[in-house]
Protein backbone atom coordinates (compact mmCIF):
# COMPACT_ATOMS: atom_id res chain seq x y z
CA UNK A 1 194.05 -189.64 -141.65
CA UNK A 2 197.58 -189.05 -140.54
CA UNK A 3 199.67 -192.17 -140.25
CA UNK A 4 200.75 -192.60 -136.63
CA UNK A 5 202.71 -195.75 -135.84
CA UNK A 6 202.51 -197.68 -132.57
CA UNK A 7 205.66 -198.85 -130.87
CA UNK A 8 206.84 -202.19 -132.20
CA UNK A 9 206.48 -205.14 -129.85
CA UNK A 10 209.63 -205.87 -127.95
CA UNK A 11 211.05 -202.35 -128.25
CA UNK A 12 212.04 -201.02 -124.79
CA UNK A 13 209.66 -198.30 -123.47
CA UNK A 14 212.28 -195.56 -123.76
CA UNK A 15 212.74 -196.17 -127.48
CA UNK A 16 210.60 -196.13 -130.58
CA UNK A 17 211.02 -196.37 -134.30
CA UNK A 18 209.58 -193.52 -136.30
CA UNK A 19 209.25 -192.62 -139.94
CA UNK A 20 209.32 -188.92 -140.55
CA UNK A 21 206.79 -187.68 -143.06
CA UNK A 22 208.24 -187.59 -146.52
CA UNK A 23 209.39 -191.18 -146.80
CA UNK A 24 212.71 -190.82 -145.00
CA UNK A 25 214.49 -193.87 -143.61
CA UNK A 26 213.46 -195.36 -140.31
CA UNK A 27 215.75 -194.62 -137.42
CA UNK A 28 215.74 -195.47 -133.75
CA UNK A 29 215.67 -192.51 -131.40
CA UNK A 30 215.26 -192.00 -127.71
CA UNK A 31 211.99 -190.55 -126.56
CA UNK A 32 211.82 -187.85 -123.90
CA UNK A 33 208.98 -187.80 -121.39
CA UNK A 34 207.51 -184.68 -123.02
CA UNK A 35 206.15 -184.06 -126.50
CA UNK A 36 206.10 -180.48 -127.82
CA UNK A 37 203.10 -180.21 -130.16
CA UNK A 38 203.01 -177.63 -132.94
CA UNK A 39 199.95 -177.60 -135.24
CA UNK A 40 200.84 -175.92 -138.54
CA UNK A 41 199.09 -174.78 -141.70
CA UNK A 42 201.02 -172.85 -144.36
CA UNK A 43 203.73 -171.67 -141.95
CA UNK A 44 206.86 -172.25 -144.07
CA UNK A 45 208.28 -168.83 -143.19
CA UNK A 46 208.05 -169.29 -139.42
CA UNK A 47 207.94 -172.97 -138.46
CA UNK A 48 211.70 -173.58 -138.75
CA UNK A 49 212.54 -170.75 -136.36
CA UNK A 50 209.95 -171.91 -133.81
CA UNK A 51 211.30 -175.47 -133.86
CA UNK A 52 214.94 -174.37 -133.56
CA UNK A 53 214.19 -171.97 -130.69
CA UNK A 54 212.27 -174.67 -128.87
CA UNK A 55 215.07 -177.21 -129.27
CA UNK A 56 217.67 -174.68 -128.10
CA UNK A 57 215.93 -174.56 -124.71
CA UNK A 58 216.93 -178.18 -124.01
CA UNK A 59 213.59 -178.90 -122.32
CA UNK A 60 214.02 -182.64 -122.76
CA UNK A 61 211.12 -182.70 -125.20
CA UNK A 62 210.62 -184.31 -128.58
CA UNK A 63 209.12 -181.92 -131.13
CA UNK A 64 206.16 -182.94 -133.30
CA UNK A 65 204.78 -180.73 -136.06
CA UNK A 66 201.38 -181.78 -137.39
CA UNK A 67 201.12 -180.36 -140.89
CA UNK A 68 197.42 -179.80 -141.61
CA UNK A 69 197.45 -180.21 -145.39
CA UNK A 70 199.62 -177.16 -146.06
CA UNK A 71 200.10 -176.06 -149.65
CA UNK A 72 203.61 -174.74 -149.04
CA UNK A 73 206.89 -176.11 -147.65
CA UNK A 74 205.78 -176.21 -144.00
CA UNK A 75 206.55 -179.93 -143.65
CA UNK A 76 209.95 -179.66 -145.32
CA UNK A 77 211.02 -176.66 -143.24
CA UNK A 78 209.92 -178.36 -140.01
CA UNK A 79 211.87 -181.52 -140.88
CA UNK A 80 214.93 -179.48 -141.79
CA UNK A 81 214.79 -177.80 -138.38
CA UNK A 82 214.80 -181.21 -136.70
CA UNK A 83 211.12 -181.88 -135.89
CA UNK A 84 209.20 -185.08 -136.48
CA UNK A 85 206.42 -184.31 -138.95
CA UNK A 86 203.02 -185.96 -139.36
CA UNK A 87 200.92 -184.67 -142.28
CA UNK A 88 197.21 -184.70 -142.98
CA UNK A 89 196.46 -185.37 -146.67
CA UNK A 90 194.21 -182.30 -146.68
CA UNK A 91 193.18 -179.53 -144.30
CA UNK A 92 191.12 -180.90 -141.38
CA UNK A 93 191.10 -177.87 -139.09
CA UNK A 94 192.79 -176.77 -135.88
CA UNK A 95 191.02 -179.08 -133.44
CA UNK A 96 191.51 -182.18 -135.59
CA UNK A 97 195.19 -181.29 -135.99
CA UNK A 98 195.64 -181.06 -132.24
CA UNK A 99 193.87 -184.36 -131.71
CA UNK A 100 196.24 -186.06 -134.17
CA UNK A 101 199.09 -184.78 -132.00
CA UNK A 102 197.51 -185.93 -128.75
CA UNK A 103 196.85 -189.39 -130.20
CA UNK A 104 200.52 -189.50 -131.17
CA UNK A 105 201.50 -188.48 -127.63
CA UNK A 106 199.23 -191.09 -126.04
CA UNK A 107 200.45 -193.92 -128.23
CA UNK A 108 204.03 -192.81 -127.80
CA UNK A 109 203.86 -193.08 -124.03
CA UNK A 110 204.63 -189.41 -123.29
CA UNK A 111 203.93 -188.23 -119.74
CA UNK A 112 203.53 -184.56 -120.67
CA UNK A 113 202.65 -182.46 -123.70
CA UNK A 114 203.42 -178.83 -124.46
CA UNK A 115 201.24 -177.16 -127.10
CA UNK A 116 202.23 -173.97 -128.90
CA UNK A 117 201.52 -172.24 -132.21
CA UNK A 118 203.63 -172.44 -135.34
CA UNK A 119 203.45 -168.73 -136.17
CA UNK A 120 205.65 -167.50 -133.32
CA UNK A 121 202.80 -166.00 -131.30
CA UNK A 122 203.85 -168.23 -128.38
CA UNK A 123 207.57 -167.54 -127.81
CA UNK A 124 209.34 -170.85 -127.10
CA UNK A 125 211.33 -169.06 -124.38
CA UNK A 126 208.12 -168.75 -122.35
CA UNK A 127 207.56 -172.53 -122.44
CA UNK A 128 209.09 -173.34 -119.02
CA UNK A 129 206.52 -171.09 -117.32
CA UNK A 130 203.78 -173.29 -118.77
CA UNK A 131 205.44 -176.71 -118.69
CA UNK A 132 207.32 -176.89 -115.40
CA UNK A 133 204.33 -176.61 -113.01
CA UNK A 134 202.77 -179.61 -114.77
CA UNK A 135 206.01 -181.57 -114.56
CA UNK A 136 206.22 -180.80 -110.84
CA UNK A 137 202.69 -182.12 -110.33
CA UNK A 138 201.27 -178.77 -109.23
CA UNK A 139 198.52 -178.87 -111.89
CA UNK A 140 197.13 -181.18 -114.56
CA UNK A 141 196.87 -178.31 -117.05
CA UNK A 142 198.66 -174.97 -117.20
CA UNK A 143 197.54 -172.32 -119.68
CA UNK A 144 199.56 -169.28 -120.68
CA UNK A 145 197.43 -166.16 -120.27
CA UNK A 146 197.75 -162.76 -121.96
CA UNK A 147 195.48 -161.05 -119.46
CA UNK A 148 196.89 -161.79 -116.01
CA UNK A 149 199.01 -159.44 -113.94
CA UNK A 150 202.60 -159.97 -115.05
CA UNK A 151 201.75 -160.84 -118.65
CA UNK A 152 203.24 -158.75 -121.44
CA UNK A 153 203.60 -158.54 -125.20
CA UNK A 154 201.23 -157.36 -127.90
CA UNK A 155 197.84 -155.83 -127.22
CA UNK A 156 194.91 -157.92 -128.42
CA UNK A 157 192.54 -155.87 -130.63
CA UNK A 158 189.69 -154.38 -128.58
CA UNK A 159 186.81 -156.29 -130.22
CA UNK A 160 188.56 -159.62 -129.82
CA UNK A 161 189.63 -158.80 -126.27
CA UNK A 162 186.01 -158.06 -125.34
CA UNK A 163 184.92 -161.35 -126.92
CA UNK A 164 187.57 -163.35 -125.07
CA UNK A 165 186.57 -161.79 -121.76
CA UNK A 166 182.86 -162.36 -122.34
CA UNK A 167 183.41 -166.01 -123.19
CA UNK A 168 185.76 -166.31 -120.24
CA UNK A 169 183.22 -164.88 -117.83
CA UNK A 170 180.42 -167.06 -119.21
CA UNK A 171 182.53 -170.22 -119.14
CA UNK A 172 183.88 -169.30 -115.71
CA UNK A 173 180.39 -168.77 -114.33
CA UNK A 174 179.17 -172.09 -115.75
CA UNK A 175 182.27 -173.90 -114.50
CA UNK A 176 182.61 -172.06 -111.21
CA UNK A 177 186.19 -170.87 -111.71
CA UNK A 178 187.93 -167.74 -112.98
CA UNK A 179 189.17 -167.86 -116.58
CA UNK A 180 191.12 -164.96 -118.06
CA UNK A 181 192.21 -166.32 -121.46
CA UNK A 182 189.93 -169.03 -122.86
CA UNK A 183 191.34 -168.84 -126.41
CA UNK A 184 194.99 -169.33 -125.47
CA UNK A 185 196.64 -172.23 -127.29
CA UNK A 186 199.79 -172.07 -125.15
CA UNK A 187 199.16 -175.09 -122.93
CA UNK A 188 200.92 -177.87 -121.04
CA UNK A 189 199.12 -181.02 -119.88
CA UNK A 190 199.89 -184.32 -118.15
CA UNK A 191 199.17 -187.81 -119.40
CA UNK A 192 195.59 -188.18 -118.09
CA UNK A 193 194.67 -184.99 -119.98
CA UNK A 194 196.53 -186.25 -123.08
CA UNK A 195 194.26 -189.30 -122.92
CA UNK A 196 191.16 -187.09 -122.61
CA UNK A 197 192.18 -184.93 -125.58
CA UNK A 198 192.90 -188.03 -127.68
CA UNK A 199 189.29 -189.17 -127.26
CA UNK A 200 186.04 -188.30 -128.99
CA UNK A 201 185.16 -185.50 -126.56
CA UNK A 202 187.78 -183.14 -128.04
CA UNK A 203 186.26 -180.57 -130.47
CA UNK A 204 187.31 -180.92 -134.12
CA UNK A 205 187.31 -177.21 -134.95
CA UNK A 206 187.62 -174.62 -132.12
CA UNK A 207 188.84 -176.12 -128.82
CA UNK A 208 188.55 -173.07 -126.58
CA UNK A 209 186.14 -172.20 -123.75
CA UNK A 210 184.23 -175.47 -124.11
CA UNK A 211 187.42 -177.45 -123.44
CA UNK A 212 188.09 -175.39 -120.30
CA UNK A 213 184.62 -176.36 -119.09
CA UNK A 214 185.19 -180.03 -119.92
CA UNK A 215 188.44 -180.02 -117.95
CA UNK A 216 186.72 -178.46 -114.95
CA UNK A 217 183.81 -180.88 -115.13
CA UNK A 218 186.17 -183.86 -115.33
CA UNK A 219 187.87 -182.69 -112.15
CA UNK A 220 191.27 -181.74 -113.56
CA UNK A 221 193.39 -179.11 -111.81
CA UNK A 222 193.70 -176.18 -114.23
CA UNK A 223 195.94 -173.19 -113.65
CA UNK A 224 196.63 -170.07 -115.69
CA UNK A 225 200.02 -168.36 -115.66
CA UNK A 226 201.02 -164.98 -117.09
CA UNK A 227 203.14 -165.14 -120.24
CA UNK A 228 204.43 -162.85 -122.93
CA UNK A 229 202.94 -163.41 -126.38
CA UNK A 230 203.70 -161.87 -129.76
CA UNK A 231 201.27 -160.66 -132.40
CA UNK A 232 200.47 -163.33 -134.96
CA UNK A 233 200.81 -162.72 -138.71
CA UNK A 234 198.08 -160.53 -140.27
CA UNK A 235 194.93 -162.36 -141.39
CA UNK A 236 195.96 -165.60 -139.66
CA UNK A 237 193.48 -165.59 -136.76
CA UNK A 238 190.97 -168.44 -136.62
CA UNK A 239 188.44 -166.02 -135.15
CA UNK A 240 188.53 -163.27 -137.76
CA UNK A 241 186.37 -162.23 -140.69
CA UNK A 242 183.09 -164.00 -141.48
CA UNK A 243 184.23 -166.97 -139.43
CA UNK A 244 183.67 -164.91 -136.29
CA UNK A 245 179.89 -165.33 -136.41
CA UNK A 246 180.18 -169.08 -136.92
CA UNK A 247 182.67 -169.30 -134.07
CA UNK A 248 180.40 -167.40 -131.66
CA UNK A 249 177.34 -169.50 -132.50
CA UNK A 250 179.21 -172.80 -132.37
CA UNK A 251 180.97 -171.96 -129.11
CA UNK A 252 177.78 -170.89 -127.35
CA UNK A 253 176.05 -174.11 -128.38
CA UNK A 254 179.05 -176.21 -127.40
CA UNK A 255 179.32 -174.53 -123.99
CA UNK A 256 175.62 -175.12 -123.36
CA UNK A 257 175.95 -178.79 -124.26
CA UNK A 258 178.93 -179.18 -121.92
CA UNK A 259 177.04 -177.39 -119.12
CA UNK A 260 174.05 -179.75 -119.27
CA UNK A 261 176.02 -182.92 -119.95
CA UNK A 262 177.08 -185.47 -117.41
CA UNK A 263 180.53 -185.31 -115.92
CA UNK A 264 182.90 -186.92 -118.44
CA UNK A 265 184.67 -190.06 -117.30
CA UNK A 266 188.43 -189.87 -117.00
CA UNK A 267 189.95 -192.07 -119.69
CA UNK A 268 192.55 -194.73 -118.99
CA UNK A 269 195.84 -192.88 -119.42
CA UNK A 270 197.57 -196.15 -120.32
CA UNK A 271 195.06 -197.00 -123.01
CA UNK A 272 196.53 -197.07 -126.51
CA UNK A 273 193.65 -196.60 -128.98
C-alpha cells in the first residue's frame, strides 16, 4: 500500500511534514485548504505539463500525484514539476488510486478536493468551473460534463457516447436525477464527500455511475457543469477494447446493488482512519 503519513502530534493544523516519494528529505510546508488529486499510470510525457499548468492557476491548492505502479518516469516528472508524489508498489487500478488520494486528503485535513486526469484530457484551466461552486458551498460535488449546453472540446466516439448516455439514463432513473456524464473524472468535492470516498464503499476499479448513485442515496448535493475537455491519448481509455464487456457487466451489477442497498451513512468528516 502507499505510505501516507499522518500529521505529527503537536504540529499546528495549517502545517504538516511530508516525505515526497523517492526518499527526498523531509520539509515543512504550508497546506492549502484544497488538494488537487491526479491519478497517474505511465504518463511521463504529460504529467509534468498538467502539474505546471495547474500550479500556474494559483488556486490555493496542494497538488498530489498518485503514481499507480508506473513503469516509466511518471513519479520523477511529477516531482520535478513540483507535485507531492505517493506511489503504489504495483498497479492497483484507477479506483484504488483515487482512494489512496482521498485517504491522503482526509488525513491531511483538506476541506476540498479537485480530481483531474494526468493525460491532459481535463484542462487545468477549466478547474475553477468545477471547484469554485463547491468552495462557495453551493454543492457538495460538482462534476465537469462534456454533454451539457455550453460544453466544448473533442467529440466522444459514437459508441462510447451512446454507452455513457445509456448508463446515465439508467443511473438517473434509479437515482431520480438527471445525469449527463457519468464517466467524467473531472470532479470537485467537499470534506464530507472526501470522507465517504476514503471509506470502503468506494469502488476499487471503475468509480462511475455507481458512485453517482451512492452520492444521491447518501443525500449529497451533486451538480454538473459544462466544461471543455480534450481528447485523451490513443489506446488510453479504461473503457476500451475487451475491457468494455467487463466494465458493462460490472457496472450493471454494481448499480443494481446500490439501488437495492440501504442508504449509506454519512461518515465522520473529522475521522482520521
